[in-house]
Amino acid sequence: MRIIPAIDIIEGKCVRLTKGDYATQKIYNENPLEVAKEFQDNGIEYLHVVDLDGAKSKHIVNYKILETIATKTNLKVDFGGGIKSNEDIKIAFESGANQITGGSIAIQNRELFLSWIENYGAEKIILGADCKDRKIATQGWLETSAIDVVDFIQDYERFGVLSTICTDVAKDGMLAGSAVTLYEEILSKSNVQLIASGGVASIQDLKQLKAIGCEGAIVGKAIYEGYINVKELQELC
């Protein structure tokens, strides 16, 4: 299972939110590159970068941070937040993203999202399937649709999606464990490569996600709050 630390960006700074609430933001480092380099120095290969300004603004904002991380580290970065147009996705890849994650766009403009899979390749496009009470959440989790998360993933799998990041918003930033039951259901009803996100608080949580078959796991606040030491992650990578 791939271990994928997260860097969430607001105004160029490394922050974390609780349950996606922008009012709860806590700044952990004003230089995301420093954080990325520390991950790399501890054997990490992958990084999940979220442009929270972009998610709120509905267009990519913090692509210069992405460019800096991509050019000054060897990390393979998946980038999400505010990718809503062909121009946005072009900027993301030109700025060094290895993959992009599209969530809101997959709800709001299905044809455009599917065209990205066709044009860039399914291995480059991750489906963002974030949910509140099983319903897909969009716009940086500020809005909720009526679409069930499992139905959403199954539908896009039929159209070529290979990988999905799924966050249960209720778990995000709570350091109380992941949405294991939901992930088991997704894995039993689809063949997508599932990347778990939200709620990880311990190495044991990560071992559990690996045991049920997750292809990857995103870790954020647990690292920043000292629940997990980055060095501990090496044995799972």
C-alpha atoms as a PDB file:
ATOM      1  CA  MET A   1       0.000   0.000   0.000  1.00  0.00           C
ATOM      2  CA  ARG A   2       1.282   3.454  -0.894  1.00  0.00           C
ATOM      3  CA  ILE A   3       1.632   5.917   1.972  1.00  0.00           C
ATOM      4  CA  ILE A   4       0.775   9.417   0.748  1.00  0.00           C
ATOM      5  CA  PRO A   5       1.297  12.368   3.089  1.00  0.00           C
ATOM      6  CA  ALA A   6      -0.914  15.382   2.443  1.00  0.00           C
ATOM      7  CA  ILE A   7      -0.102  19.056   2.141  1.00  0.00           C
ATOM      8  CA  ASP A   8      -3.161  21.314   2.114  1.00  0.00           C
ATOM      9  CA  ILE A   9      -2.505  24.873   0.992  1.00  0.00           C
ATOM     10  CA  ILE A  10      -4.196  28.154   1.867  1.00  0.00           C
ATOM     11  CA  GLU A  11      -2.490  31.423   0.905  1.00  0.00           C
ATOM     12  CA  GLY A  12       0.702  29.523   0.156  1.00  0.00           C
ATOM     13  CA  LYS A  13       0.913  27.974   3.624  1.00  0.00           C
ATOM     14  CA  CYS A  14       0.682  24.373   4.802  1.00  0.00           C
ATOM     15  CA  VAL A  15      -2.545  24.054   6.814  1.00  0.00           C
ATOM     16  CA  ARG A  16      -5.052  21.473   8.014  1.00  0.00           C
ATOM     17  CA  LEU A  17      -8.800  21.778   8.438  1.00  0.00           C
ATOM     18  CA  THR A  18     -11.236  19.780  10.542  1.00  0.00           C
ATOM     19  CA  LYS A  19     -14.151  18.209   8.634  1.00  0.00           C
ATOM     20  CA  GLY A  20     -13.301  20.515   5.728  1.00  0.00           C
ATOM     21  CA  ASP A  21     -14.346  23.622   7.654  1.00  0.00           C
ATOM     22  CA  TYR A  22     -12.259  26.576   6.491  1.00  0.00           C
ATOM     23  CA  ALA A  23     -12.904  28.334   9.827  1.00  0.00           C
ATOM     24  CA  THR A  24     -10.896  25.613  11.601  1.00  0.00           C
ATOM     25  CA  GLN A  25      -7.684  26.100   9.636  1.00  0.00           C
ATOM     26  CA  LYS A  26      -4.436  25.642  11.526  1.00  0.00           C
ATOM     27  CA  ILE A  27      -1.134  26.675   9.972  1.00  0.00           C
ATOM     28  CA  TYR A  28       1.635  24.097  10.396  1.00  0.00           C
ATOM     29  CA  ASN A  29       4.309  25.597   8.203  1.00  0.00           C
ATOM     30  CA  GLU A  30       4.497  28.729   6.079  1.00  0.00           C
ATOM     31  CA  ASN A  31       6.785  26.944   3.619  1.00  0.00           C
ATOM     32  CA  PRO A  32       5.216  23.818   2.066  1.00  0.00           C
ATOM     33  CA  LEU A  33       8.518  23.001   0.334  1.00  0.00           C
ATOM     34  CA  GLU A  34      10.181  22.466   3.719  1.00  0.00           C
ATOM     35  CA  VAL A  35       7.453  19.980   4.605  1.00  0.00           C
ATOM     36  CA  ALA A  36       7.765  18.184   1.263  1.00  0.00           C
ATOM     37  CA  LYS A  37      11.548  17.916   1.610  1.00  0.00           C
ATOM     38  CA  GLU A  38      11.176  16.426   5.093  1.00  0.00           C
ATOM     39  CA  PHE A  39       8.858  13.764   3.699  1.00  0.00           C
ATOM     40  CA  GLN A  40      11.321  12.963   0.921  1.00  0.00           C
ATOM     41  CA  ASP A  41      14.244  12.832   3.365  1.00  0.00           C
ATOM     42  CA  ASN A  42      12.339  10.170   5.312  1.00  0.00           C
ATOM     43  CA  GLY A  43      11.826   7.849   2.367  1.00  0.00           C
ATOM     44  CA  ILE A  44       8.426   9.041   1.191  1.00  0.00           C
ATOM     45  CA  GLU A  45       7.843   8.825  -2.576  1.00  0.00           C
ATOM     46  CA  TYR A  46       4.322  10.203  -2.979  1.00  0.00           C
ATOM     47  CA  LEU A  47       2.570  13.429  -2.002  1.00  0.00           C
ATOM     48  CA  HIS A  48      -1.050  14.583  -2.074  1.00  0.00           C
ATOM     49  CA  VAL A  49      -1.328  18.354  -2.517  1.00  0.00           C
ATOM     50  CA  VAL A  50      -4.671  20.112  -2.159  1.00  0.00           C
ATOM     51  CA  ASP A  51      -5.209  23.689  -3.302  1.00  0.00           C
ATOM     52  CA  LEU A  52      -7.874  24.731  -0.793  1.00  0.00           C
ATOM     53  CA  ASP A  53      -7.951  28.255  -2.205  1.00  0.00           C
ATOM     54  CA  GLY A  54      -8.568  26.704  -5.604  1.00  0.00           C
ATOM     55  CA  ALA A  55     -11.357  24.480  -4.313  1.00  0.00           C
ATOM     56  CA  LYS A  56     -13.131  27.506  -2.889  1.00  0.00           C
ATOM     57  CA  SER A  57     -12.409  29.773  -5.888  1.00  0.00           C
ATOM     58  CA  LYS A  58     -13.397  27.120  -8.467  1.00  0.00           C
ATOM     59  CA  HIS A  59     -10.132  27.481 -10.381  1.00  0.00           C
ATOM     60  CA  ILE A  60      -6.521  26.540  -9.729  1.00  0.00           C
ATOM     61  CA  VAL A  61      -4.726  29.067  -7.476  1.00  0.00           C
ATOM     62  CA  ASN A  62      -1.616  27.645  -5.779  1.00  0.00           C
ATOM     63  CA  TYR A  63       0.080  26.124  -8.819  1.00  0.00           C
ATOM     64  CA  LYS A  64       3.355  27.942  -8.064  1.00  0.00           C
ATOM     65  CA  ILE A  65       3.633  25.919  -4.834  1.00  0.00           C
ATOM     66  CA  LEU A  66       3.089  22.757  -6.880  1.00  0.00           C
ATOM     67  CA  GLU A  67       5.777  23.860  -9.334  1.00  0.00           C
ATOM     68  CA  THR A  68       8.250  24.530  -6.521  1.00  0.00           C
ATOM     69  CA  ILE A  69       7.669  21.138  -4.891  1.00  0.00           C
ATOM     70  CA  ALA A  70       7.798  19.311  -8.232  1.00  0.00           C
ATOM     71  CA  THR A  71      11.063  20.952  -9.312  1.00  0.00           C
ATOM     72  CA  LYS A  72      12.882  20.842  -5.966  1.00  0.00           C
ATOM     73  CA  THR A  73      11.949  17.293  -4.860  1.00  0.00           C
ATOM     74  CA  ASN A  74      11.579  13.895  -6.531  1.00  0.00           C
ATOM     75  CA  LEU A  75       8.150  13.306  -5.003  1.00  0.00           C
ATOM     76  CA  LYS A  76       5.369  12.057  -7.255  1.00  0.00           C
ATOM     77  CA  VAL A  77       2.613  14.592  -6.640  1.00  0.00           C
ATOM     78  CA  ASP A  78      -1.093  14.188  -7.128  1.00  0.00           C
ATOM     79  CA  PHE A  79      -2.761  17.585  -7.127  1.00  0.00           C
ATOM     80  CA  GLY A  80      -6.365  18.572  -6.542  1.00  0.00           C
ATOM     81  CA  GLY A  81      -8.515  21.542  -5.664  1.00  0.00           C
ATOM     82  CA  GLY A  82     -10.072  23.912  -8.171  1.00  0.00           C
ATOM     83  CA  ILE A  83      -9.329  21.945 -11.328  1.00  0.00           C
ATOM     84  CA  LYS A  84     -12.441  22.849 -13.293  1.00  0.00           C
ATOM     85  CA  SER A  85     -11.327  23.530 -16.862  1.00  0.00           C
ATOM     86  CA  ASN A  86      -8.953  22.412 -19.594  1.00  0.00           C
ATOM     87  CA  GLU A  87      -6.789  25.405 -18.709  1.00  0.00           C
ATOM     88  CA  ASP A  88      -6.656  24.346 -15.042  1.00  0.00           C
ATOM     89  CA  ILE A  89      -5.601  20.785 -15.800  1.00  0.00           C
ATOM     90  CA  LYS A  90      -3.019  22.012 -18.316  1.00  0.00           C
ATOM     91  CA  ILE A  91      -1.524  24.334 -15.669  1.00  0.00           C
ATOM     92  CA  ALA A  92      -1.456  21.505 -13.102  1.00  0.00           C
ATOM     93  CA  PHE A  93       0.431  19.109 -15.359  1.00  0.00           C
ATOM     94  CA  GLU A  94       2.750  21.823 -16.687  1.00  0.00           C
ATOM     95  CA  SER A  95       3.504  22.764 -13.061  1.00  0.00           C
ATOM     96  CA  GLY A  96       4.692  19.232 -12.381  1.00  0.00           C
ATOM     97  CA  ALA A  97       1.725  17.204 -11.163  1.00  0.00           C
ATOM     98  CA  ASN A  98       2.144  13.481 -11.749  1.00  0.00           C
ATOM     99  CA  GLN A  99      -1.616  12.986 -11.389  1.00  0.00           C
ATOM    100  CA  ILE A 100      -4.609  15.244 -10.785  1.00  0.00           C
ATOM    101  CA  THR A 101      -7.677  14.584  -8.681  1.00  0.00           C
ATOM    102  CA  GLY A 102     -11.045  15.740  -9.973  1.00  0.00           C
ATOM    103  CA  GLY A 103     -14.032  15.683  -7.665  1.00  0.00           C
ATOM    104  CA  SER A 104     -16.481  18.560  -8.143  1.00  0.00           C
ATOM    105  CA  ILE A 105     -15.852  18.578 -11.886  1.00  0.00           C
ATOM    106  CA  ALA A 106     -16.911  14.917 -12.129  1.00  0.00           C
ATOM    107  CA  ILE A 107     -20.326  15.958 -10.782  1.00  0.00           C
ATOM    108  CA  GLN A 108     -20.707  19.265 -12.564  1.00  0.00           C
ATOM    109  CA  ASN A 109     -19.242  18.512 -15.991  1.00  0.00           C
ATOM    110  CA  ARG A 110     -19.156  14.804 -16.645  1.00  0.00           C
ATOM    111  CA  GLU A 111     -18.220  15.138 -20.321  1.00  0.00           C
ATOM    112  CA  LEU A 112     -15.210  17.309 -19.528  1.00  0.00           C
ATOM    113  CA  PHE A 113     -13.963  14.932 -16.821  1.00  0.00           C
ATOM    114  CA  LEU A 114     -14.320  11.930 -19.135  1.00  0.00           C
ATOM    115  CA  SER A 115     -12.462  13.818 -21.872  1.00  0.00           C
ATOM    116  CA  TRP A 116      -9.522  14.208 -19.472  1.00  0.00           C
ATOM    117  CA  ILE A 117      -9.414  10.445 -18.958  1.00  0.00           C
ATOM    118  CA  GLU A 118      -9.366   9.988 -22.726  1.00  0.00           C
ATOM    119  CA  ASN A 119      -6.822  12.732 -23.434  1.00  0.00           C
ATOM    120  CA  TYR A 120      -4.388  12.264 -20.546  1.00  0.00           C
ATOM    121  CA  GLY A 121      -4.902   8.581 -19.745  1.00  0.00           C
ATOM    122  CA  ALA A 122      -6.791   6.971 -16.865  1.00  0.00           C
ATOM    123  CA  GLU A 123      -3.577   6.490 -14.895  1.00  0.00           C
ATOM    124  CA  LYS A 124      -3.195  10.292 -14.715  1.00  0.00           C
ATOM    125  CA  ILE A 125      -6.708  11.125 -13.511  1.00  0.00           C
ATOM    126  CA  ILE A 126      -7.942  10.235 -10.003  1.00  0.00           C
ATOM    127  CA  LEU A 127     -11.632  10.422  -9.185  1.00  0.00           C
ATOM    128  CA  GLY A 128     -12.253  12.426  -6.020  1.00  0.00           C
ATOM    129  CA  ALA A 129     -15.150  10.766  -4.172  1.00  0.00           C
ATOM    130  CA  ASP A 130     -15.578  12.747  -0.969  1.00  0.00           C
ATOM    131  CA  CYS A 131     -18.810  12.299   0.922  1.00  0.00           C
ATOM    132  CA  LYS A 132     -20.981  13.460   3.805  1.00  0.00           C
ATOM    133  CA  ASP A 133     -23.423  10.808   5.039  1.00  0.00           C
ATOM    134  CA  ARG A 134     -22.563   8.840   1.872  1.00  0.00           C
ATOM    135  CA  LYS A 135     -23.543  11.747  -0.414  1.00  0.00           C
ATOM    136  CA  ILE A 136     -20.866  13.221  -2.687  1.00  0.00           C
ATOM    137  CA  ALA A 137     -19.562  16.563  -1.386  1.00  0.00           C
ATOM    138  CA  THR A 138     -18.241  19.228  -3.774  1.00  0.00           C
ATOM    139  CA  GLN A 139     -16.714  22.733  -3.868  1.00  0.00           C
ATOM    140  CA  GLY A 140     -14.174  22.052  -1.145  1.00  0.00           C
ATOM    141  CA  TRP A 141     -16.929  20.178   0.743  1.00  0.00           C
ATOM    142  CA  LEU A 142     -19.013  23.339   0.970  1.00  0.00           C
ATOM    143  CA  GLU A 143     -21.857  21.717  -0.998  1.00  0.00           C
ATOM    144  CA  THR A 144     -23.436  18.251  -0.946  1.00  0.00           C
ATOM    145  CA  SER A 145     -25.074  16.434  -3.872  1.00  0.00           C
ATOM    146  CA  ALA A 146     -27.766  13.752  -3.784  1.00  0.00           C
ATOM    147  CA  ILE A 147     -25.465  11.096  -5.287  1.00  0.00           C
ATOM    148  CA  ASP A 148     -24.445   8.048  -3.246  1.00  0.00           C
ATOM    149  CA  VAL A 149     -20.681   7.609  -3.087  1.00  0.00           C
ATOM    150  CA  VAL A 150     -20.673   3.915  -4.033  1.00  0.00           C
ATOM    151  CA  ASP A 151     -22.977   4.515  -7.008  1.00  0.00           C
ATOM    152  CA  PHE A 152     -20.725   7.409  -8.055  1.00  0.00           C
ATOM    153  CA  ILE A 153     -17.587   5.263  -8.023  1.00  0.00           C
ATOM    154  CA  GLN A 154     -19.261   2.327  -9.780  1.00  0.00           C
ATOM    155  CA  ASP A 155     -20.572   4.617 -12.503  1.00  0.00           C
ATOM    156  CA  TYR A 156     -17.200   6.164 -13.258  1.00  0.00           C
ATOM    157  CA  GLU A 157     -15.451   2.805 -13.117  1.00  0.00           C
ATOM    158  CA  ARG A 158     -17.621   1.760 -16.065  1.00  0.00           C
ATOM    159  CA  PHE A 159     -16.208   4.725 -17.984  1.00  0.00           C
ATOM    160  CA  GLY A 160     -12.578   3.881 -17.350  1.00  0.00           C
ATOM    161  CA  VAL A 161     -11.658   5.350 -13.960  1.00  0.00           C
ATOM    162  CA  LEU A 162      -8.901   3.278 -12.362  1.00  0.00           C
ATOM    163  CA  SER A 163      -8.246   5.102  -9.083  1.00  0.00           C
ATOM    164  CA  THR A 164     -10.342   7.008  -6.566  1.00  0.00           C
ATOM    165  CA  ILE A 165      -9.609   8.944  -3.407  1.00  0.00           C
ATOM    166  CA  CYS A 166     -12.482   8.638  -0.969  1.00  0.00           C
ATOM    167  CA  THR A 167     -12.810  10.834   2.119  1.00  0.00           C
ATOM    168  CA  ASP A 168     -15.645  10.556   4.610  1.00  0.00           C
ATOM    169  CA  VAL A 169     -15.807  14.227   5.584  1.00  0.00           C
ATOM    170  CA  ALA A 170     -17.054  13.328   9.079  1.00  0.00           C
ATOM    171  CA  LYS A 171     -13.748  11.521   9.681  1.00  0.00           C
ATOM    172  CA  ASP A 172     -11.465  14.183   8.228  1.00  0.00           C
ATOM    173  CA  GLY A 173      -9.124  15.739  10.754  1.00  0.00           C
ATOM    174  CA  MET A 174     -10.791  13.981  13.676  1.00  0.00           C
ATOM    175  CA  LEU A 175      -7.925  11.536  14.362  1.00  0.00           C
ATOM    176  CA  ALA A 176     -10.499   8.886  15.275  1.00  0.00           C
ATOM    177  CA  GLY A 177      -9.931   6.237  12.637  1.00  0.00           C
ATOM    178  CA  SER A 178     -10.860   5.825   8.987  1.00  0.00           C
ATOM    179  CA  ALA A 179     -14.166   4.959   7.331  1.00  0.00           C
ATOM    180  CA  VAL A 180     -13.226   1.278   7.163  1.00  0.00           C
ATOM    181  CA  THR A 181     -16.780  -0.047   6.746  1.00  0.00           C
ATOM    182  CA  LEU A 182     -17.417   2.282   3.807  1.00  0.00           C
ATOM    183  CA  TYR A 183     -14.093   1.345   2.208  1.00  0.00           C
ATOM    184  CA  GLU A 184     -14.847  -2.360   2.568  1.00  0.00           C
ATOM    185  CA  GLU A 185     -18.152  -1.784   0.772  1.00  0.00           C
ATOM    186  CA  ILE A 186     -16.473   0.149  -2.054  1.00  0.00           C
ATOM    187  CA  LEU A 187     -13.854  -2.577  -2.465  1.00  0.00           C
ATOM    188  CA  SER A 188     -16.489  -5.306  -2.487  1.00  0.00           C
ATOM    189  CA  LYS A 189     -18.611  -3.548  -5.112  1.00  0.00           C
ATOM    190  CA  SER A 190     -15.923  -2.252  -7.482  1.00  0.00           C
ATOM    191  CA  ASN A 191     -12.433  -2.982  -8.745  1.00  0.00           C
ATOM    192  CA  VAL A 192     -11.047   0.541  -8.414  1.00  0.00           C
ATOM    193  CA  GLN A 193      -7.704   1.225  -6.795  1.00  0.00           C
ATOM    194  CA  LEU A 194      -8.972   2.822  -3.587  1.00  0.00           C
ATOM    195  CA  ILE A 195      -6.972   5.503  -1.814  1.00  0.00           C
ATOM    196  CA  ALA A 196      -8.281   6.049   1.708  1.00  0.00           C
ATOM    197  CA  SER A 197      -8.275   9.553   3.135  1.00  0.00           C
ATOM    198  CA  GLY A 198      -9.382  11.019   6.435  1.00  0.00           C
ATOM    199  CA  GLY A 199      -9.228   9.960  10.062  1.00  0.00           C
ATOM    200  CA  VAL A 200      -5.896   8.111  10.126  1.00  0.00           C
ATOM    201  CA  ALA A 201      -4.439   8.491  13.640  1.00  0.00           C
ATOM    202  CA  SER A 202      -1.990   5.619  14.029  1.00  0.00           C
ATOM    203  CA  ILE A 203       0.186   3.066  12.295  1.00  0.00           C
ATOM    204  CA  GLN A 204      -2.465   0.516  13.258  1.00  0.00           C
ATOM    205  CA  ASP A 205      -5.061   2.449  11.242  1.00  0.00           C
ATOM    206  CA  LEU A 206      -2.761   2.242   8.223  1.00  0.00           C
ATOM    207  CA  LYS A 207      -2.199  -1.489   8.724  1.00  0.00           C
ATOM    208  CA  GLN A 208      -5.968  -1.980   8.830  1.00  0.00           C
ATOM    209  CA  LEU A 209      -6.431  -0.076   5.562  1.00  0.00           C
ATOM    210  CA  LYS A 210      -3.710  -2.186   3.975  1.00  0.00           C
ATOM    211  CA  ALA A 211      -5.348  -5.376   5.248  1.00  0.00           C
ATOM    212  CA  ILE A 212      -8.726  -4.594   3.665  1.00  0.00           C
ATOM    213  CA  GLY A 213      -7.101  -3.915   0.284  1.00  0.00           C
ATOM    214  CA  CYS A 214      -6.661  -0.152  -0.076  1.00  0.00           C
ATOM    215  CA  GLU A 215      -4.111   0.713  -2.756  1.00  0.00           C
ATOM    216  CA  GLY A 216      -3.034   3.834  -0.905  1.00  0.00           C
ATOM    217  CA  ALA A 217      -3.674   5.858   2.233  1.00  0.00           C
ATOM    218  CA  ILE A 218      -3.399   9.605   2.682  1.00  0.00           C
ATOM    219  CA  VAL A 219      -2.058  10.830   6.023  1.00  0.00           C
ATOM    220  CA  GLY A 220      -2.259  14.447   7.139  1.00  0.00           C
ATOM    221  CA  LYS A 221      -3.058  15.737  10.594  1.00  0.00           C
ATOM    222  CA  ALA A 222      -1.700  12.611  12.327  1.00  0.00           C
ATOM    223  CA  ILE A 223       1.768  13.558  11.087  1.00  0.00           C
ATOM    224  CA  TYR A 224       1.465  17.257  11.846  1.00  0.00           C
ATOM    225  CA  GLU A 225       0.073  16.673  15.347  1.00  0.00           C
ATOM    226  CA  GLY A 226       2.719  14.065  16.186  1.00  0.00           C
ATOM    227  CA  TYR A 227       0.456  11.003  16.335  1.00  0.00           C
ATOM    228  CA  ILE A 228       2.612   9.369  13.663  1.00  0.00           C
ATOM    229  CA  ASN A 229       6.332   9.933  13.186  1.00  0.00           C
ATOM    230  CA  VAL A 230       7.315  10.142   9.518  1.00  0.00           C
ATOM    231  CA  LYS A 231      10.127   7.661  10.158  1.00  0.00           C
ATOM    232  CA  GLU A 232       7.509   5.098  11.251  1.00  0.00           C
ATOM    233  CA  LEU A 233       5.956   5.264   7.801  1.00  0.00           C
ATOM    234  CA  GLN A 234       9.040   3.885   6.067  1.00  0.00           C
ATOM    235  CA  GLU A 235       8.285   0.307   7.098  1.00  0.00           C
ATOM    236  CA  LEU A 236       4.882   0.524   5.429  1.00  0.00           C
ATOM    237  CA  CYS A 237       6.050   2.166   2.201  1.00  0.00           C
END
